[in-house]
PDB file of N, CA and C in Angstrom:
ATOM      1  N   MET A   1     -29.849  -5.673   5.648  1.00  0.00           N
ATOM      2  CA  MET A   1     -28.556  -6.218   5.899  1.00  0.00           C
ATOM      3  C   MET A   1     -27.547  -5.151   6.816  1.00  0.00           C
ATOM      4  N   THR A   2     -27.795  -5.450   8.043  1.00  0.00           N
ATOM      5  CA  THR A   2     -26.729  -4.189   8.761  1.00  0.00           C
ATOM      6  C   THR A   2     -25.481  -4.673   8.880  1.00  0.00           C
ATOM      7  N   LEU A   3     -24.582  -3.527   8.829  1.00  0.00           N
ATOM      8  CA  LEU A   3     -23.161  -3.575   9.220  1.00  0.00           C
ATOM      9  C   LEU A   3     -22.487  -2.880  10.078  1.00  0.00           C
ATOM     10  N   SER A   4     -21.473  -3.264  10.967  1.00  0.00           N
ATOM     11  CA  SER A   4     -21.201  -2.427  11.743  1.00  0.00           C
ATOM     12  C   SER A   4     -20.191  -1.447  11.007  1.00  0.00           C
ATOM     13  N   ASN A   5     -19.804  -0.433  11.674  1.00  0.00           N
ATOM     14  CA  ASN A   5     -18.920   0.650  10.954  1.00  0.00           C
ATOM     15  C   ASN A   5     -17.686  -0.099  10.732  1.00  0.00           C
ATOM     16  N   GLN A   6     -17.110  -0.853  11.408  1.00  0.00           N
ATOM     17  CA  GLN A   6     -15.719  -1.684  11.266  1.00  0.00           C
ATOM     18  C   GLN A   6     -15.767  -2.509   9.974  1.00  0.00           C
ATOM     19  N   SER A   7     -16.979  -3.314   9.678  1.00  0.00           N
ATOM     20  CA  SER A   7     -17.015  -4.311   8.664  1.00  0.00           C
ATOM     21  C   SER A   7     -17.209  -3.522   7.336  1.00  0.00           C
ATOM     22  N   TYR A   8     -18.345  -2.563   7.582  1.00  0.00           N
ATOM     23  CA  TYR A   8     -18.178  -1.496   6.552  1.00  0.00           C
ATOM     24  C   TYR A   8     -16.883  -0.915   5.791  1.00  0.00           C
ATOM     25  N   GLY A   9     -15.959  -0.510   6.816  1.00  0.00           N
ATOM     26  CA  GLY A   9     -14.906   0.001   6.647  1.00  0.00           C
ATOM     27  C   GLY A   9     -13.998  -0.765   5.809  1.00  0.00           C
ATOM     28  N   ILE A  10     -14.067  -2.051   6.406  1.00  0.00           N
ATOM     29  CA  ILE A  10     -12.982  -2.973   6.005  1.00  0.00           C
ATOM     30  C   ILE A  10     -13.304  -3.359   4.593  1.00  0.00           C
ATOM     31  N   ARG A  11     -14.607  -3.755   4.305  1.00  0.00           N
ATOM     32  CA  ARG A  11     -14.908  -4.104   2.999  1.00  0.00           C
ATOM     33  C   ARG A  11     -14.913  -3.042   1.932  1.00  0.00           C
ATOM     34  N   TYR A  12     -15.305  -1.968   2.201  1.00  0.00           N
ATOM     35  CA  TYR A  12     -15.114  -0.724   1.458  1.00  0.00           C
ATOM     36  C   TYR A  12     -13.773  -0.348   0.970  1.00  0.00           C
ATOM     37  N   ASN A  13     -12.709  -0.443   1.944  1.00  0.00           N
ATOM     38  CA  ASN A  13     -11.440  -0.061   1.674  1.00  0.00           C
ATOM     39  C   ASN A  13     -10.627  -1.141   0.737  1.00  0.00           C
ATOM     40  N   THR A  14     -11.299  -2.580   1.044  1.00  0.00           N
ATOM     41  CA  THR A  14     -11.002  -3.549   0.272  1.00  0.00           C
ATOM     42  C   THR A  14     -11.320  -3.444  -1.303  1.00  0.00           C
ATOM     43  N   LEU A  15     -12.685  -2.959  -1.362  1.00  0.00           N
ATOM     44  CA  LEU A  15     -13.064  -2.906  -2.854  1.00  0.00           C
ATOM     45  C   LEU A  15     -12.299  -1.551  -3.574  1.00  0.00           C
ATOM     46  N   LYS A  16     -11.910  -0.556  -2.789  1.00  0.00           N
ATOM     47  CA  LYS A  16     -11.341   0.619  -3.254  1.00  0.00           C
ATOM     48  C   LYS A  16     -10.145   0.137  -3.807  1.00  0.00           C
ATOM     49  N   ARG A  17      -9.373  -0.801  -3.071  1.00  0.00           N
ATOM     50  CA  ARG A  17      -7.902  -1.446  -3.352  1.00  0.00           C
ATOM     51  C   ARG A  17      -8.184  -2.493  -4.710  1.00  0.00           C
ATOM     52  N   TYR A  18      -9.250  -3.074  -4.578  1.00  0.00           N
ATOM     53  CA  TYR A  18      -9.451  -3.983  -5.886  1.00  0.00           C
ATOM     54  C   TYR A  18      -9.424  -3.234  -7.195  1.00  0.00           C
ATOM     55  N   ARG A  19     -10.212  -2.152  -7.050  1.00  0.00           N
ATOM     56  CA  ARG A  19     -10.656  -0.990  -7.886  1.00  0.00           C
ATOM     57  C   ARG A  19      -9.257  -0.585  -8.472  1.00  0.00           C
ATOM     58  N   LEU A  20      -8.376  -0.142  -7.362  1.00  0.00           N
ATOM     59  CA  LEU A  20      -6.890   0.263  -8.087  1.00  0.00           C
ATOM     60  C   LEU A  20      -6.132  -0.705  -8.993  1.00  0.00           C
ATOM     61  N   ILE A  21      -6.357  -1.868  -8.214  1.00  0.00           N
ATOM     62  CA  ILE A  21      -5.630  -3.085  -9.025  1.00  0.00           C
ATOM     63  C   ILE A  21      -6.192  -3.172 -10.303  1.00  0.00           C
ATOM     64  N   MET A  22      -7.473  -3.051 -10.540  1.00  0.00           N
ATOM     65  CA  MET A  22      -8.053  -3.260 -11.657  1.00  0.00           C
ATOM     66  C   MET A  22      -7.604  -2.285 -12.998  1.00  0.00           C
ATOM     67  N   GLU A  23      -7.787  -1.027 -12.394  1.00  0.00           N
ATOM     68  CA  GLU A  23      -7.303   0.091 -12.864  1.00  0.00           C
ATOM     69  C   GLU A  23      -6.197  -0.085 -13.735  1.00  0.00           C
ATOM     70  N   LEU A  24      -4.996  -0.693 -12.939  1.00  0.00           N
ATOM     71  CA  LEU A  24      -3.522  -1.008 -13.348  1.00  0.00           C
ATOM     72  C   LEU A  24      -3.521  -2.093 -14.194  1.00  0.00           C
ATOM     73  N   TYR A  25      -4.433  -3.177 -13.940  1.00  0.00           N
ATOM     74  CA  TYR A  25      -4.635  -4.213 -14.917  1.00  0.00           C
ATOM     75  C   TYR A  25      -5.058  -3.717 -16.094  1.00  0.00           C
ATOM     76  N   LYS A  26      -6.107  -3.102 -16.466  1.00  0.00           N
ATOM     77  CA  LYS A  26      -6.806  -2.648 -17.649  1.00  0.00           C
ATOM     78  C   LYS A  26      -5.645  -1.387 -18.206  1.00  0.00           C
ATOM     79  N   SER A  27      -4.927  -0.911 -17.588  1.00  0.00           N
ATOM     80  CA  SER A  27      -3.867   0.129 -18.307  1.00  0.00           C
ATOM     81  C   SER A  27      -2.834  -0.691 -18.915  1.00  0.00           C
ATOM     82  N   HIS A  28      -2.588  -1.967 -18.274  1.00  0.00           N
ATOM     83  CA  HIS A  28      -1.413  -2.621 -19.245  1.00  0.00           C
ATOM     84  C   HIS A  28      -1.991  -3.920 -19.983  1.00  0.00           C
ATOM     85  N   LYS A  29      -3.323  -4.146 -19.863  1.00  0.00           N
ATOM     86  CA  LYS A  29      -3.632  -5.387 -20.404  1.00  0.00           C
ATOM     87  C   LYS A  29      -3.919  -5.180 -22.339  1.00  0.00           C
ATOM     88  N   ALA A  30      -3.108  -5.994 -22.679  1.00  0.00           N
ATOM     89  CA  ALA A  30      -3.222  -6.287 -24.415  1.00  0.00           C
ATOM     90  C   ALA A  30      -3.658  -7.495 -24.610  1.00  0.00           C
ATOM     91  N   GLU A  31      -3.783  -7.602 -25.987  1.00  0.00           N
ATOM     92  CA  GLU A  31      -4.412  -8.928 -26.290  1.00  0.00           C
ATOM     93  C   GLU A  31      -3.325 -10.221 -26.331  1.00  0.00           C
ATOM     94  N   ASP A  32      -2.175  -9.724 -26.666  1.00  0.00           N
ATOM     95  CA  ASP A  32      -0.997 -10.593 -26.759  1.00  0.00           C
ATOM     96  C   ASP A  32      -0.167 -10.849 -25.289  1.00  0.00           C
ATOM     97  N   ILE A  33      -0.568  -9.973 -24.078  1.00  0.00           N
ATOM     98  CA  ILE A  33      -0.029 -10.221 -22.888  1.00  0.00           C
ATOM     99  C   ILE A  33      -1.005 -11.114 -21.927  1.00  0.00           C
ATOM    100  N   PRO A  34      -0.187 -12.205 -21.419  1.00  0.00           N
ATOM    101  CA  PRO A  34      -0.857 -12.893 -20.495  1.00  0.00           C
ATOM    102  C   PRO A  34      -1.220 -12.100 -19.002  1.00  0.00           C
ATOM    103  N   ASP A  35      -2.341 -12.793 -18.460  1.00  0.00           N
ATOM    104  CA  ASP A  35      -2.539 -11.896 -17.266  1.00  0.00           C
ATOM    105  C   ASP A  35      -1.410 -12.105 -16.042  1.00  0.00           C
ATOM    106  N   THR A  36      -0.690 -13.300 -16.318  1.00  0.00           N
ATOM    107  CA  THR A  36       0.449 -13.676 -15.337  1.00  0.00           C
ATOM    108  C   THR A  36       1.468 -12.905 -15.611  1.00  0.00           C
ATOM    109  N   VAL A  37       1.872 -12.433 -16.603  1.00  0.00           N
ATOM    110  CA  VAL A  37       2.853 -11.395 -16.918  1.00  0.00           C
ATOM    111  C   VAL A  37       2.654  -9.865 -16.217  1.00  0.00           C
ATOM    112  N   ILE A  38       1.326  -9.531 -16.669  1.00  0.00           N
ATOM    113  CA  ILE A  38       0.630  -8.349 -16.137  1.00  0.00           C
ATOM    114  C   ILE A  38       0.899  -8.432 -14.503  1.00  0.00           C
ATOM    115  N   LEU A  39       0.317  -9.355 -13.704  1.00  0.00           N
ATOM    116  CA  LEU A  39       0.663  -9.539 -12.589  1.00  0.00           C
ATOM    117  C   LEU A  39       2.072  -9.658 -12.100  1.00  0.00           C
ATOM    118  N   ARG A  40       2.805 -10.350 -12.874  1.00  0.00           N
ATOM    119  CA  ARG A  40       4.239 -10.153 -12.123  1.00  0.00           C
ATOM    120  C   ARG A  40       5.123  -8.995 -12.392  1.00  0.00           C
ATOM    121  N   LYS A  41       5.015  -8.308 -13.661  1.00  0.00           N
ATOM    122  CA  LYS A  41       5.392  -7.087 -14.135  1.00  0.00           C
ATOM    123  C   LYS A  41       5.172  -5.778 -13.358  1.00  0.00           C
ATOM    124  N   TYR A  42       3.611  -5.754 -13.462  1.00  0.00           N
ATOM    125  CA  TYR A  42       3.080  -4.199 -13.071  1.00  0.00           C
ATOM    126  C   TYR A  42       2.389  -4.440 -11.481  1.00  0.00           C
ATOM    127  N   ILE A  43       1.637  -5.445 -11.068  1.00  0.00           N
ATOM    128  CA  ILE A  43       0.836  -5.320 -10.129  1.00  0.00           C
ATOM    129  C   ILE A  43       1.666  -5.851  -9.059  1.00  0.00           C
ATOM    130  N   LEU A  44       2.467  -6.896  -8.793  1.00  0.00           N
ATOM    131  CA  LEU A  44       3.293  -7.334  -7.801  1.00  0.00           C
ATOM    132  C   LEU A  44       4.266  -6.330  -7.135  1.00  0.00           C
ATOM    133  N   PRO A  45       4.925  -5.509  -7.698  1.00  0.00           N
ATOM    134  CA  PRO A  45       5.846  -4.335  -7.326  1.00  0.00           C
ATOM    135  C   PRO A  45       4.824  -3.440  -6.464  1.00  0.00           C
ATOM    136  N   VAL A  46       3.680  -3.170  -6.831  1.00  0.00           N
ATOM    137  CA  VAL A  46       2.925  -2.236  -6.041  1.00  0.00           C
ATOM    138  C   VAL A  46       1.943  -2.889  -5.004  1.00  0.00           C
ATOM    139  N   TYR A  47       1.453  -3.746  -5.475  1.00  0.00           N
ATOM    140  CA  TYR A  47       0.576  -4.813  -4.657  1.00  0.00           C
ATOM    141  C   TYR A  47       0.825  -6.138  -4.469  1.00  0.00           C
ATOM    142  N   PRO A  48       1.405  -6.496  -3.328  1.00  0.00           N
ATOM    143  CA  PRO A  48       2.135  -7.980  -3.332  1.00  0.00           C
ATOM    144  C   PRO A  48       0.709  -8.683  -2.953  1.00  0.00           C
ATOM    145  N   ILE A  49       0.359  -9.362  -3.993  1.00  0.00           N
ATOM    146  CA  ILE A  49      -0.709 -10.257  -3.666  1.00  0.00           C
ATOM    147  C   ILE A  49      -0.655 -11.867  -4.622  1.00  0.00           C
ATOM    148  N   SER A  50      -1.167 -12.611  -4.205  1.00  0.00           N
ATOM    149  CA  SER A  50      -0.993 -14.113  -4.876  1.00  0.00           C
ATOM    150  C   SER A  50      -1.746 -13.847  -6.121  1.00  0.00           C
ATOM    151  N   ARG A  51      -1.636 -15.145  -6.885  1.00  0.00           N
ATOM    152  CA  ARG A  51      -2.159 -15.316  -8.188  1.00  0.00           C
ATOM    153  C   ARG A  51      -3.800 -15.418  -7.700  1.00  0.00           C
ATOM    154  N   THR A  52      -3.985 -16.445  -6.781  1.00  0.00           N
ATOM    155  CA  THR A  52      -5.491 -16.651  -6.505  1.00  0.00           C
ATOM    156  C   THR A  52      -6.120 -15.432  -6.144  1.00  0.00           C
ATOM    157  N   THR A  53      -5.488 -14.625  -5.243  1.00  0.00           N
ATOM    158  CA  THR A  53      -6.218 -13.184  -5.018  1.00  0.00           C
ATOM    159  C   THR A  53      -6.432 -12.171  -6.251  1.00  0.00           C
ATOM    160  N   PHE A  54      -5.413 -12.389  -7.087  1.00  0.00           N
ATOM    161  CA  PHE A  54      -5.344 -11.499  -8.757  1.00  0.00           C
ATOM    162  C   PHE A  54      -6.737 -12.122  -9.019  1.00  0.00           C
ATOM    163  N   HIS A  55      -6.830 -13.538  -9.155  1.00  0.00           N
ATOM    164  CA  HIS A  55      -7.964 -13.844  -9.974  1.00  0.00           C
ATOM    165  C   HIS A  55      -9.240 -13.454  -9.297  1.00  0.00           C
ATOM    166  N   THR A  56      -9.451 -13.372  -7.868  1.00  0.00           N
ATOM    167  CA  THR A  56     -10.551 -13.049  -7.304  1.00  0.00           C
ATOM    168  C   THR A  56     -10.970 -11.595  -7.534  1.00  0.00           C
ATOM    169  N   ILE A  57     -10.034 -10.656  -7.807  1.00  0.00           N
ATOM    170  CA  ILE A  57     -10.087  -9.442  -7.870  1.00  0.00           C
ATOM    171  C   ILE A  57     -10.761  -9.413  -9.377  1.00  0.00           C
ATOM    172  N   LEU A  58     -10.371 -10.095 -10.156  1.00  0.00           N
ATOM    173  CA  LEU A  58     -10.689  -9.959 -11.771  1.00  0.00           C
ATOM    174  C   LEU A  58     -12.270 -10.335 -11.765  1.00  0.00           C
ATOM    175  N   CYS A  59     -12.474 -11.396 -10.678  1.00  0.00           N
ATOM    176  CA  CYS A  59     -14.145 -11.877 -10.565  1.00  0.00           C
ATOM    177  C   CYS A  59     -14.847 -11.060  -9.884  1.00  0.00           C
ATOM    178  N   THR A  60     -14.412 -10.198  -9.568  1.00  0.00           N
ATOM    179  CA  THR A  60     -15.254  -9.444  -8.566  1.00  0.00           C
ATOM    180  C   THR A  60     -16.045  -8.131  -9.207  1.00  0.00           C
ATOM    181  N   PRO A  61     -17.457  -8.047  -9.085  1.00  0.00           N
ATOM    182  CA  PRO A  61     -17.938  -6.810  -9.413  1.00  0.00           C
ATOM    183  C   PRO A  61     -17.744  -5.847  -8.439  1.00  0.00           C
ATOM    184  N   VAL A  62     -16.516  -4.989  -8.611  1.00  0.00           N
ATOM    185  CA  VAL A  62     -16.213  -3.822  -7.445  1.00  0.00           C
ATOM    186  C   VAL A  62     -17.199  -2.745  -7.689  1.00  0.00           C
ATOM    187  N   ASN A  63     -17.686  -2.122  -8.939  1.00  0.00           N
ATOM    188  CA  ASN A  63     -18.349  -0.896  -8.963  1.00  0.00           C
ATOM    189  C   ASN A  63     -19.778  -1.360  -8.233  1.00  0.00           C
ATOM    190  N   LYS A  64     -20.246  -2.340  -8.754  1.00  0.00           N
ATOM    191  CA  LYS A  64     -21.625  -2.815  -8.016  1.00  0.00           C
ATOM    192  C   LYS A  64     -21.630  -3.238  -6.664  1.00  0.00           C
ATOM    193  N   GLU A  65     -20.556  -3.723  -6.037  1.00  0.00           N
ATOM    194  CA  GLU A  65     -20.490  -3.987  -4.935  1.00  0.00           C
ATOM    195  C   GLU A  65     -20.343  -2.543  -3.791  1.00  0.00           C
ATOM    196  N   ILE A  66     -19.566  -1.618  -4.553  1.00  0.00           N
ATOM    197  CA  ILE A  66     -19.214  -0.332  -3.668  1.00  0.00           C
ATOM    198  C   ILE A  66     -20.626   0.294  -3.959  1.00  0.00           C
ATOM    199  N   ALA A  67     -21.512   0.327  -4.785  1.00  0.00           N
ATOM    200  CA  ALA A  67     -22.560   1.038  -4.813  1.00  0.00           C
ATOM    201  C   ALA A  67     -23.864   0.355  -3.831  1.00  0.00           C
ATOM    202  N   GLU A  68     -23.646  -1.038  -3.525  1.00  0.00           N
ATOM    203  CA  GLU A  68     -24.353  -1.722  -2.705  1.00  0.00           C
ATOM    204  C   GLU A  68     -24.059  -1.320  -1.247  1.00  0.00           C
ATOM    205  N   LEU A  69     -22.847  -1.011  -1.129  1.00  0.00           N
ATOM    206  CA  LEU A  69     -22.450  -0.544   0.270  1.00  0.00           C
ATOM    207  C   LEU A  69     -22.908   0.793   0.583  1.00  0.00           C
ATOM    208  N   GLU A  70     -22.441   1.766  -0.227  1.00  0.00           N
ATOM    209  CA  GLU A  70     -23.092   2.860  -0.059  1.00  0.00           C
ATOM    210  C   GLU A  70     -24.566   3.182   0.216  1.00  0.00           C
ATOM    211  N   GLN A  71     -25.407   2.284  -0.556  1.00  0.00           N
ATOM    212  CA  GLN A  71     -26.808   2.339  -0.179  1.00  0.00           C
ATOM    213  C   GLN A  71     -27.170   1.742   1.025  1.00  0.00           C
ATOM    214  N   ILE A  72     -26.489   0.770   1.300  1.00  0.00           N
ATOM    215  CA  ILE A  72     -26.805   0.145   2.807  1.00  0.00           C
ATOM    216  C   ILE A  72     -26.368   1.005   3.840  1.00  0.00           C
ATOM    217  N   LYS A  73     -25.215   1.806   3.556  1.00  0.00           N
ATOM    218  CA  LYS A  73     -24.626   2.637   4.526  1.00  0.00           C
ATOM    219  C   LYS A  73     -25.814   4.173   4.627  1.00  0.00           C
ATOM    220  N   ALA A  74     -26.269   4.434   3.588  1.00  0.00           N
ATOM    221  CA  ALA A  74     -27.134   5.519   3.509  1.00  0.00           C
ATOM    222  C   ALA A  74     -28.720   5.151   4.257  1.00  0.00           C
ATOM    223  N   GLN A  75     -28.836   3.871   4.078  1.00  0.00           N
ATOM    224  CA  GLN A  75     -30.041   3.443   4.734  1.00  0.00           C
ATOM    225  C   GLN A  75     -29.967   3.411   6.284  1.00  0.00           C
ATOM    226  N   GLN A  76     -28.713   3.101   6.623  1.00  0.00           N
ATOM    227  CA  GLN A  76     -28.481   3.094   8.097  1.00  0.00           C
ATOM    228  C   GLN A  76     -28.307   4.329   8.678  1.00  0.00           C
ATOM    229  N   LEU A  77     -27.766   5.162   7.969  1.00  0.00           N
ATOM    230  CA  LEU A  77     -27.907   6.675   8.465  1.00  0.00           C
ATOM    231  C   LEU A  77     -29.381   7.345   8.714  1.00  0.00           C
ATOM    232  N   THR A  78     -30.244   7.157   7.492  1.00  0.00           N
ATOM    233  CA  THR A  78     -31.468   7.645   7.661  1.00  0.00           C
ATOM    234  C   THR A  78     -32.303   6.993   8.691  1.00  0.00           C
ATOM    235  N   ILE A  79     -32.128   5.505   9.111  1.00  0.00           N
ATOM    236  CA  ILE A  79     -32.636   4.874  10.190  1.00  0.00           C
ATOM    237  C   ILE A  79     -32.357   5.344  11.702  1.00  0.00           C
ATOM    238  N   THR A  80     -31.000   5.966  11.808  1.00  0.00           N
ATOM    239  CA  THR A  80     -30.726   6.298  12.920  1.00  0.00           C
ATOM    240  C   THR A  80     -31.014   7.841  13.337  1.00  0.00           C
ATOM    241  N   PHE A  81     -31.362   8.582  12.274  1.00  0.00           N
ATOM    242  CA  PHE A  81     -31.917   9.927  12.760  1.00  0.00           C
ATOM    243  C   PHE A  81     -33.149   9.782  12.694  1.00  0.00           C
TER     244      PHE A  81
END
């Protein structure tokens, strides 16, 4: 799979933002606090996202996708030299 520098950068930055949102979510998550409350009180003031986007972020394997992107980028760099 080949990626242009622009598409790589866009996806990489999106995943980094997802990681920050996940860290914020995990720092406030407790058994008795619903996800919607965490979204409304802690995430929305920092990252204005929709509830649908929030659930997309929760379902995304961020670390795995970042590792795959870095592997693809490394392969592209070795091919060009």
